[in-house]
Amino acid sequence: RAEDAKARFLATMSHELRTPLNGVLGLTQSLQTTGLN
């Protein structure tokens, strides 16, 4: 049961963190196309 709980936690954490992280990576790519020093 502990293994199942850990697997569910890792799957949830991976999914929940991936969405905002993709947003951060997308914004950094957009920033690189602007005029930056």
PDB file of all heavy atoms in Angstrom:
ATOM      1  N   ARG A   1       0.828  -1.208   0.000  1.00  0.00           N
ATOM      2  CA  ARG A   1       0.000   0.000   0.000  1.00  0.00           C
ATOM      3  C   ARG A   1       0.859   1.253   0.000  1.00  0.00           C
ATOM      4  O   ARG A   1       0.530   2.249  -0.665  1.00  0.00           O
ATOM      5  CB  ARG A   1      -0.941  -0.008   1.216  1.00  0.00           C
ATOM      6  CG  ARG A   1      -2.083  -1.009   1.111  1.00  0.00           C
ATOM      7  CD  ARG A   1      -3.160  -0.712   2.146  1.00  0.00           C
ATOM      8  NE  ARG A   1      -2.673  -0.905   3.504  1.00  0.00           N
ATOM      9  CZ  ARG A   1      -2.778  -2.045   4.181  1.00  0.00           C
ATOM     10  NH1 ARG A   1      -3.350  -3.102   3.605  1.00  0.00           N
ATOM     11  NH2 ARG A   1      -2.328  -2.146   5.413  1.00  0.00           N
ATOM     12  N   ALA A   2       1.971   1.216   0.750  1.00  0.00           N
ATOM     13  CA  ALA A   2       2.878   2.366   0.755  1.00  0.00           C
ATOM     14  C   ALA A   2       3.488   2.579  -0.627  1.00  0.00           C
ATOM     15  O   ALA A   2       3.643   3.720  -1.087  1.00  0.00           O
ATOM     16  CB  ALA A   2       3.986   2.151   1.790  1.00  0.00           C
ATOM     17  N   GLU A   3       3.844   1.492  -1.309  1.00  0.00           N
ATOM     18  CA  GLU A   3       4.374   1.606  -2.668  1.00  0.00           C
ATOM     19  C   GLU A   3       3.337   2.209  -3.620  1.00  0.00           C
ATOM     20  O   GLU A   3       3.659   3.054  -4.453  1.00  0.00           O
ATOM     21  CB  GLU A   3       4.807   0.231  -3.175  1.00  0.00           C
ATOM     22  CG  GLU A   3       6.135  -0.250  -2.633  1.00  0.00           C
ATOM     23  CD  GLU A   3       7.284   0.545  -3.193  1.00  0.00           C
ATOM     24  OE1 GLU A   3       7.476   0.542  -4.425  1.00  0.00           O
ATOM     25  OE2 GLU A   3       7.970   1.194  -2.395  1.00  0.00           O
ATOM     26  N   ASP A   4       2.086   1.770  -3.477  1.00  0.00           N
ATOM     27  CA  ASP A   4       1.021   2.322  -4.324  1.00  0.00           C
ATOM     28  C   ASP A   4       0.840   3.807  -4.055  1.00  0.00           C
ATOM     29  O   ASP A   4       0.671   4.607  -4.989  1.00  0.00           O
ATOM     30  CB  ASP A   4      -0.297   1.582  -4.068  1.00  0.00           C
ATOM     31  CG  ASP A   4      -0.264   0.152  -4.579  1.00  0.00           C
ATOM     32  OD1 ASP A   4       0.575  -0.129  -5.460  1.00  0.00           O
ATOM     33  OD2 ASP A   4      -1.064  -0.674  -4.095  1.00  0.00           O
ATOM     34  N   ALA A   5       0.853   4.183  -2.767  1.00  0.00           N
ATOM     35  CA  ALA A   5       0.695   5.606  -2.426  1.00  0.00           C
ATOM     36  C   ALA A   5       1.851   6.430  -2.977  1.00  0.00           C
ATOM     37  O   ALA A   5       1.649   7.542  -3.498  1.00  0.00           O
ATOM     38  CB  ALA A   5       0.598   5.768  -0.909  1.00  0.00           C
ATOM     39  N   LYS A   6       3.056   5.882  -2.889  1.00  0.00           N
ATOM     40  CA  LYS A   6       4.215   6.613  -3.412  1.00  0.00           C
ATOM     41  C   LYS A   6       4.126   6.756  -4.928  1.00  0.00           C
ATOM     42  O   LYS A   6       4.420   7.832  -5.475  1.00  0.00           O
ATOM     43  CB  LYS A   6       5.504   5.877  -3.045  1.00  0.00           C
ATOM     44  CG  LYS A   6       6.769   6.618  -3.486  1.00  0.00           C
ATOM     45  CD  LYS A   6       8.009   5.892  -3.029  1.00  0.00           C
ATOM     46  CE  LYS A   6       8.251   4.643  -3.846  1.00  0.00           C
ATOM     47  NZ  LYS A   6       9.551   4.015  -3.531  1.00  0.00           N
ATOM     48  N   ALA A   7       3.692   5.687  -5.602  1.00  0.00           N
ATOM     49  CA  ALA A   7       3.570   5.763  -7.062  1.00  0.00           C
ATOM     50  C   ALA A   7       2.514   6.781  -7.472  1.00  0.00           C
ATOM     51  O   ALA A   7       2.716   7.560  -8.419  1.00  0.00           O
ATOM     52  CB  ALA A   7       3.215   4.380  -7.617  1.00  0.00           C
ATOM     53  N   ARG A   8       1.377   6.807  -6.748  1.00  0.00           N
ATOM     54  CA  ARG A   8       0.340   7.798  -7.072  1.00  0.00           C
ATOM     55  C   ARG A   8       0.816   9.210  -6.803  1.00  0.00           C
ATOM     56  O   ARG A   8       0.535  10.136  -7.577  1.00  0.00           O
ATOM     57  CB  ARG A   8      -0.923   7.502  -6.252  1.00  0.00           C
ATOM     58  CG  ARG A   8      -1.679   6.254  -6.693  1.00  0.00           C
ATOM     59  CD  ARG A   8      -3.068   6.228  -6.080  1.00  0.00           C
ATOM     60  NE  ARG A   8      -3.011   6.196  -4.630  1.00  0.00           N
ATOM     61  CZ  ARG A   8      -2.986   5.087  -3.913  1.00  0.00           C
ATOM     62  NH1 ARG A   8      -2.990   3.896  -4.518  1.00  0.00           N
ATOM     63  NH2 ARG A   8      -2.944   5.131  -2.591  1.00  0.00           N
ATOM     64  N   PHE A   9       1.571   9.387  -5.691  1.00  0.00           N
ATOM     65  CA  PHE A   9       2.101  10.714  -5.377  1.00  0.00           C
ATOM     66  C   PHE A   9       3.061  11.196  -6.457  1.00  0.00           C
ATOM     67  O   PHE A   9       2.997  12.349  -6.897  1.00  0.00           O
ATOM     68  CB  PHE A   9       2.812  10.671  -4.023  1.00  0.00           C
ATOM     69  CG  PHE A   9       3.600  11.916  -3.723  1.00  0.00           C
ATOM     70  CD1 PHE A   9       2.965  13.084  -3.344  1.00  0.00           C
ATOM     71  CD2 PHE A   9       4.989  11.909  -3.835  1.00  0.00           C
ATOM     72  CE1 PHE A   9       3.693  14.225  -3.075  1.00  0.00           C
ATOM     73  CE2 PHE A   9       5.721  13.050  -3.571  1.00  0.00           C
ATOM     74  CZ  PHE A   9       5.075  14.214  -3.188  1.00  0.00           C
ATOM     75  N   LEU A  10       3.963  10.310  -6.889  1.00  0.00           N
ATOM     76  CA  LEU A  10       4.920  10.707  -7.920  1.00  0.00           C
ATOM     77  C   LEU A  10       4.228  11.044  -9.238  1.00  0.00           C
ATOM     78  O   LEU A  10       4.591  11.994  -9.927  1.00  0.00           O
ATOM     79  CB  LEU A  10       5.943   9.593  -8.138  1.00  0.00           C
ATOM     80  CG  LEU A  10       6.919   9.350  -6.980  1.00  0.00           C
ATOM     81  CD1 LEU A  10       7.808   8.155  -7.281  1.00  0.00           C
ATOM     82  CD2 LEU A  10       7.769  10.592  -6.714  1.00  0.00           C
ATOM     83  N   ALA A  11       3.198  10.245  -9.583  1.00  0.00           N
ATOM     84  CA  ALA A  11       2.477  10.518 -10.828  1.00  0.00           C
ATOM     85  C   ALA A  11       1.745  11.852 -10.748  1.00  0.00           C
ATOM     86  O   ALA A  11       1.763  12.651 -11.690  1.00  0.00           O
ATOM     87  CB  ALA A  11       1.492   9.386 -11.100  1.00  0.00           C
ATOM     88  N   THR A  12       1.107  12.140  -9.603  1.00  0.00           N
ATOM     89  CA  THR A  12       0.388  13.408  -9.435  1.00  0.00           C
ATOM     90  C   THR A  12       1.349  14.585  -9.440  1.00  0.00           C
ATOM     91  O   THR A  12       1.100  15.614 -10.087  1.00  0.00           O
ATOM     92  CB  THR A  12      -0.416  13.381  -8.125  1.00  0.00           C
ATOM     93  OG1 THR A  12      -1.324  12.277  -8.156  1.00  0.00           O
ATOM     94  CG2 THR A  12      -1.191  14.667  -7.930  1.00  0.00           C
ATOM     95  N   MET A  13       2.460  14.423  -8.700  1.00  0.00           N
ATOM     96  CA  MET A  13       3.438  15.508  -8.646  1.00  0.00           C
ATOM     97  C   MET A  13       4.013  15.789 -10.027  1.00  0.00           C
ATOM     98  O   MET A  13       4.174  16.947 -10.428  1.00  0.00           O
ATOM     99  CB  MET A  13       4.570  15.128  -7.685  1.00  0.00           C
ATOM    100  CG  MET A  13       5.629  16.204  -7.515  1.00  0.00           C
ATOM    101  SD  MET A  13       7.064  15.611  -6.600  1.00  0.00           S
ATOM    102  CE  MET A  13       7.765  14.467  -7.790  1.00  0.00           C
ATOM    103  N   SER A  14       4.321  14.757 -10.775  1.00  0.00           N
ATOM    104  CA  SER A  14       4.877  14.944 -12.114  1.00  0.00           C
ATOM    105  C   SER A  14       3.904  15.696 -13.013  1.00  0.00           C
ATOM    106  O   SER A  14       4.286  16.616 -13.742  1.00  0.00           O
ATOM    107  CB  SER A  14       5.217  13.577 -12.727  1.00  0.00           C
ATOM    108  OG  SER A  14       5.649  13.708 -14.059  1.00  0.00           O
ATOM    109  N   HIS A  15       2.622  15.310 -12.918  1.00  0.00           N
ATOM    110  CA  HIS A  15       1.615  15.969 -13.765  1.00  0.00           C
ATOM    111  C   HIS A  15       1.398  17.416 -13.346  1.00  0.00           C
ATOM    112  O   HIS A  15       1.346  18.327 -14.193  1.00  0.00           O
ATOM    113  CB  HIS A  15       0.298  15.199 -13.680  1.00  0.00           C
ATOM    114  CG  HIS A  15      -0.824  15.870 -14.405  1.00  0.00           C
ATOM    115  ND1 HIS A  15      -0.914  15.898 -15.780  1.00  0.00           N
ATOM    116  CD2 HIS A  15      -1.907  16.569 -13.931  1.00  0.00           C
ATOM    117  CE1 HIS A  15      -1.996  16.566 -16.141  1.00  0.00           C
ATOM    118  NE2 HIS A  15      -2.611  16.984 -15.031  1.00  0.00           N
ATOM    119  N   GLU A  16       1.283  17.657 -12.036  1.00  0.00           N
ATOM    120  CA  GLU A  16       0.983  19.006 -11.553  1.00  0.00           C
ATOM    121  C   GLU A  16       2.145  19.971 -11.766  1.00  0.00           C
ATOM    122  O   GLU A  16       1.928  21.161 -12.007  1.00  0.00           O
ATOM    123  CB  GLU A  16       0.620  18.951 -10.059  1.00  0.00           C
ATOM    124  CG  GLU A  16      -0.664  18.185  -9.766  1.00  0.00           C
ATOM    125  CD  GLU A  16      -1.879  18.822 -10.424  1.00  0.00           C
ATOM    126  OE1 GLU A  16      -1.891  20.053 -10.612  1.00  0.00           O
ATOM    127  OE2 GLU A  16      -2.817  18.077 -10.763  1.00  0.00           O
ATOM    128  N   LEU A  17       3.366  19.478 -11.680  1.00  0.00           N
ATOM    129  CA  LEU A  17       4.527  20.358 -11.875  1.00  0.00           C
ATOM    130  C   LEU A  17       4.815  20.596 -13.353  1.00  0.00           C
ATOM    131  O   LEU A  17       5.370  21.638 -13.729  1.00  0.00           O
ATOM    132  CB  LEU A  17       5.770  19.762 -11.210  1.00  0.00           C
ATOM    133  CG  LEU A  17       5.764  19.731  -9.680  1.00  0.00           C
ATOM    134  CD1 LEU A  17       7.048  19.095  -9.172  1.00  0.00           C
ATOM    135  CD2 LEU A  17       5.626  21.133  -9.110  1.00  0.00           C
ATOM    136  N   ARG A  18       4.456  19.632 -14.190  1.00  0.00           N
ATOM    137  CA  ARG A  18       4.776  19.759 -15.611  1.00  0.00           C
ATOM    138  C   ARG A  18       4.018  20.931 -16.256  1.00  0.00           C
ATOM    139  O   ARG A  18       4.570  21.649 -17.087  1.00  0.00           O
ATOM    140  CB  ARG A  18       4.421  18.454 -16.327  1.00  0.00           C
ATOM    141  CG  ARG A  18       4.973  18.357 -17.736  1.00  0.00           C
ATOM    142  CD  ARG A  18       4.464  17.075 -18.400  1.00  0.00           C
ATOM    143  NE  ARG A  18       4.778  15.908 -17.581  1.00  0.00           N
ATOM    144  CZ  ARG A  18       5.943  15.270 -17.643  1.00  0.00           C
ATOM    145  NH1 ARG A  18       6.875  15.687 -18.482  1.00  0.00           N
ATOM    146  NH2 ARG A  18       6.161  14.232 -16.878  1.00  0.00           N
ATOM    147  N   THR A  19       2.775  21.151 -15.855  1.00  0.00           N
ATOM    148  CA  THR A  19       1.969  22.209 -16.496  1.00  0.00           C
ATOM    149  C   THR A  19       2.558  23.603 -16.261  1.00  0.00           C
ATOM    150  O   THR A  19       2.810  24.346 -17.229  1.00  0.00           O
ATOM    151  CB  THR A  19       0.512  22.135 -15.988  1.00  0.00           C
ATOM    152  OG1 THR A  19      -0.028  20.853 -16.317  1.00  0.00           O
ATOM    153  CG2 THR A  19      -0.340  23.218 -16.641  1.00  0.00           C
ATOM    154  N   PRO A  20       2.814  24.017 -15.018  1.00  0.00           N
ATOM    155  CA  PRO A  20       3.423  25.359 -14.848  1.00  0.00           C
ATOM    156  C   PRO A  20       4.851  25.440 -15.391  1.00  0.00           C
ATOM    157  O   PRO A  20       5.281  26.498 -15.870  1.00  0.00           O
ATOM    158  CB  PRO A  20       3.378  25.580 -13.332  1.00  0.00           C
ATOM    159  CG  PRO A  20       3.286  24.221 -12.741  1.00  0.00           C
ATOM    160  CD  PRO A  20       2.506  23.415 -13.707  1.00  0.00           C
ATOM    161  N   LEU A  21       5.566  24.318 -15.334  1.00  0.00           N
ATOM    162  CA  LEU A  21       6.932  24.341 -15.854  1.00  0.00           C
ATOM    163  C   LEU A  21       6.945  24.553 -17.358  1.00  0.00           C
ATOM    164  O   LEU A  21       7.811  25.290 -17.884  1.00  0.00           O
ATOM    165  CB  LEU A  21       7.646  23.041 -15.495  1.00  0.00           C
ATOM    166  CG  LEU A  21       9.114  22.942 -15.916  1.00  0.00           C
ATOM    167  CD1 LEU A  21       9.943  24.071 -15.315  1.00  0.00           C
ATOM    168  CD2 LEU A  21       9.685  21.588 -15.507  1.00  0.00           C
ATOM    169  N   ASN A  22       6.016  23.939 -18.066  1.00  0.00           N
ATOM    170  CA  ASN A  22       5.926  24.180 -19.509  1.00  0.00           C
ATOM    171  C   ASN A  22       5.633  25.650 -19.806  1.00  0.00           C
ATOM    172  O   ASN A  22       6.132  26.223 -20.777  1.00  0.00           O
ATOM    173  CB  ASN A  22       4.839  23.292 -20.120  1.00  0.00           C
ATOM    174  CG  ASN A  22       5.282  21.833 -20.219  1.00  0.00           C
ATOM    175  OD1 ASN A  22       6.474  21.540 -20.328  1.00  0.00           O
ATOM    176  ND2 ASN A  22       4.316  20.914 -20.178  1.00  0.00           N
ATOM    177  N   GLY A  23       4.801  26.266 -18.927  1.00  0.00           N
ATOM    178  CA  GLY A  23       4.542  27.690 -19.104  1.00  0.00           C
ATOM    179  C   GLY A  23       5.794  28.521 -18.905  1.00  0.00           C
ATOM    180  O   GLY A  23       6.058  29.475 -19.672  1.00  0.00           O
ATOM    181  N   VAL A  24       6.573  28.188 -17.898  1.00  0.00           N
ATOM    182  CA  VAL A  24       7.819  28.922 -17.652  1.00  0.00           C
ATOM    183  C   VAL A  24       8.781  28.776 -18.836  1.00  0.00           C
ATOM    184  O   VAL A  24       9.389  29.760 -19.312  1.00  0.00           O
ATOM    185  CB  VAL A  24       8.475  28.424 -16.349  1.00  0.00           C
ATOM    186  CG1 VAL A  24       9.873  29.028 -16.190  1.00  0.00           C
ATOM    187  CG2 VAL A  24       7.611  28.786 -15.146  1.00  0.00           C
ATOM    188  N   LEU A  25       8.918  27.555 -19.339  1.00  0.00           N
ATOM    189  CA  LEU A  25       9.826  27.336 -20.469  1.00  0.00           C
ATOM    190  C   LEU A  25       9.337  28.057 -21.719  1.00  0.00           C
ATOM    191  O   LEU A  25      10.138  28.607 -22.493  1.00  0.00           O
ATOM    192  CB  LEU A  25       9.952  25.832 -20.736  1.00  0.00           C
ATOM    193  CG  LEU A  25      10.666  25.018 -19.641  1.00  0.00           C
ATOM    194  CD1 LEU A  25      10.636  23.533 -19.972  1.00  0.00           C
ATOM    195  CD2 LEU A  25      12.104  25.495 -19.483  1.00  0.00           C
ATOM    196  N   GLY A  26       8.018  28.055 -21.919  1.00  0.00           N
ATOM    197  CA  GLY A  26       7.482  28.778 -23.079  1.00  0.00           C
ATOM    198  C   GLY A  26       7.743  30.260 -22.989  1.00  0.00           C
ATOM    199  O   GLY A  26       8.101  30.908 -23.995  1.00  0.00           O
ATOM    200  N   LEU A  27       7.598  30.860 -21.806  1.00  0.00           N
ATOM    201  CA  LEU A  27       7.841  32.291 -21.630  1.00  0.00           C
ATOM    202  C   LEU A  27       9.313  32.631 -21.801  1.00  0.00           C
ATOM    203  O   LEU A  27       9.657  33.698 -22.348  1.00  0.00           O
ATOM    204  CB  LEU A  27       7.347  32.733 -20.250  1.00  0.00           C
ATOM    205  CG  LEU A  27       5.820  32.743 -20.060  1.00  0.00           C
ATOM    206  CD1 LEU A  27       5.464  33.084 -18.620  1.00  0.00           C
ATOM    207  CD2 LEU A  27       5.175  33.730 -21.027  1.00  0.00           C
ATOM    208  N   THR A  28      10.215  31.754 -21.339  1.00  0.00           N
ATOM    209  CA  THR A  28      11.640  32.036 -21.528  1.00  0.00           C
ATOM    210  C   THR A  28      12.007  32.026 -23.012  1.00  0.00           C
ATOM    211  O   THR A  28      12.828  32.834 -23.465  1.00  0.00           O
ATOM    212  CB  THR A  28      12.497  30.997 -20.779  1.00  0.00           C
ATOM    213  OG1 THR A  28      12.153  29.694 -21.209  1.00  0.00           O
ATOM    214  CG2 THR A  28      12.293  31.098 -19.274  1.00  0.00           C
ATOM    215  N   GLN A  29      11.412  31.108 -23.762  1.00  0.00           N
ATOM    216  CA  GLN A  29      11.666  31.099 -25.210  1.00  0.00           C
ATOM    217  C   GLN A  29      11.135  32.366 -25.866  1.00  0.00           C
ATOM    218  O   GLN A  29      11.743  32.927 -26.787  1.00  0.00           O
ATOM    219  CB  GLN A  29      11.030  29.854 -25.830  1.00  0.00           C
ATOM    220  CG  GLN A  29      11.700  28.549 -25.431  1.00  0.00           C
ATOM    221  CD  GLN A  29      10.984  27.332 -25.967  1.00  0.00           C
ATOM    222  OE1 GLN A  29       9.938  27.469 -26.634  1.00  0.00           O
ATOM    223  NE2 GLN A  29      11.511  26.148 -25.693  1.00  0.00           N
ATOM    224  N   SER A  30       9.975  32.830 -25.390  1.00  0.00           N
ATOM    225  CA  SER A  30       9.415  34.071 -25.943  1.00  0.00           C
ATOM    226  C   SER A  30      10.292  35.263 -25.590  1.00  0.00           C
ATOM    227  O   SER A  30      10.505  36.179 -26.408  1.00  0.00           O
ATOM    228  CB  SER A  30       7.994  34.300 -25.402  1.00  0.00           C
ATOM    229  OG  SER A  30       7.140  33.248 -25.813  1.00  0.00           O
ATOM    230  N   LEU A  31      10.815  35.279 -24.359  1.00  0.00           N
ATOM    231  CA  LEU A  31      11.675  36.373 -23.943  1.00  0.00           C
ATOM    232  C   LEU A  31      12.948  36.455 -24.786  1.00  0.00           C
ATOM    233  O   LEU A  31      13.477  37.539 -25.053  1.00  0.00           O
ATOM    234  CB  LEU A  31      12.050  36.219 -22.464  1.00  0.00           C
ATOM    235  CG  LEU A  31      10.995  36.645 -21.432  1.00  0.00           C
ATOM    236  CD1 LEU A  31      11.452  36.306 -20.032  1.00  0.00           C
ATOM    237  CD2 LEU A  31      10.735  38.155 -21.546  1.00  0.00           C
ATOM    238  N   GLN A  32      13.456  35.297 -25.185  1.00  0.00           N
ATOM    239  CA  GLN A  32      14.690  35.290 -25.968  1.00  0.00           C
ATOM    240  C   GLN A  32      14.516  35.943 -27.339  1.00  0.00           C
ATOM    241  O   GLN A  32      15.498  36.350 -27.975  1.00  0.00           O
ATOM    242  CB  GLN A  32      15.203  33.859 -26.126  1.00  0.00           C
ATOM    243  CG  GLN A  32      15.752  33.271 -24.818  1.00  0.00           C
ATOM    244  CD  GLN A  32      16.148  31.823 -24.965  1.00  0.00           C
ATOM    245  OE1 GLN A  32      15.903  31.222 -26.001  1.00  0.00           O
ATOM    246  NE2 GLN A  32      16.777  31.275 -23.932  1.00  0.00           N
ATOM    247  N   THR A  33      13.270  36.033 -27.827  1.00  0.00           N
ATOM    248  CA  THR A  33      13.030  36.664 -29.141  1.00  0.00           C
ATOM    249  C   THR A  33      12.857  38.177 -29.037  1.00  0.00           C
ATOM    250  O   THR A  33      12.752  38.861 -30.049  1.00  0.00           O
ATOM    251  CB  THR A  33      11.763  36.057 -29.765  1.00  0.00           C
ATOM    252  OG1 THR A  33      10.627  36.324 -28.928  1.00  0.00           O
ATOM    253  CG2 THR A  33      11.920  34.552 -29.952  1.00  0.00           C
ATOM    254  N   THR A  34      12.789  38.690 -27.803  1.00  0.00           N
ATOM    255  CA  THR A  34      12.668  40.140 -27.618  1.00  0.00           C
ATOM    256  C   THR A  34      14.055  40.775 -27.550  1.00  0.00           C
ATOM    257  O   THR A  34      15.069  40.074 -27.431  1.00  0.00           O
ATOM    258  CB  THR A  34      11.869  40.439 -26.336  1.00  0.00           C
ATOM    259  OG1 THR A  34      12.586  39.915 -25.201  1.00  0.00           O
ATOM    260  CG2 THR A  34      10.479  39.803 -26.405  1.00  0.00           C
ATOM    261  N   GLY A  35      14.093  42.080 -27.559  1.00  0.00           N
ATOM    262  CA  GLY A  35      15.390  42.775 -27.518  1.00  0.00           C
ATOM    263  C   GLY A  35      15.966  42.800 -26.124  1.00  0.00           C
ATOM    264  O   GLY A  35      15.612  43.673 -25.312  1.00  0.00           O
ATOM    265  N   LEU A  36      16.815  41.848 -25.780  1.00  0.00           N
ATOM    266  CA  LEU A  36      17.445  41.763 -24.464  1.00  0.00           C
ATOM    267  C   LEU A  36      18.930  42.045 -24.578  1.00  0.00           C
ATOM    268  O   LEU A  36      19.553  41.729 -25.606  1.00  0.00           O
ATOM    269  CB  LEU A  36      17.248  40.361 -23.877  1.00  0.00           C
ATOM    270  CG  LEU A  36      15.800  39.859 -23.680  1.00  0.00           C
ATOM    271  CD1 LEU A  36      15.808  38.420 -23.187  1.00  0.00           C
ATOM    272  CD2 LEU A  36      15.043  40.747 -22.696  1.00  0.00           C
ATOM    273  N   ASN A  37      19.469  42.662 -23.539  1.00  0.00           N
ATOM    274  CA  ASN A  37      20.919  42.847 -23.541  1.00  0.00           C
ATOM    275  C   ASN A  37      21.610  41.542 -23.193  1.00  0.00           C
ATOM    276  O   ASN A  37      20.949  40.538 -22.899  1.00  0.00           O
ATOM    277  CB  ASN A  37      21.317  43.981 -22.584  1.00  0.00           C
ATOM    278  CG  ASN A  37      20.852  43.693 -21.146  1.00  0.00           C
ATOM    279  OD1 ASN A  37      20.865  42.560 -20.700  1.00  0.00           O
ATOM    280  ND2 ASN A  37      20.430  44.749 -20.436  1.00  0.00           N
TER     281      ASN A  37
END
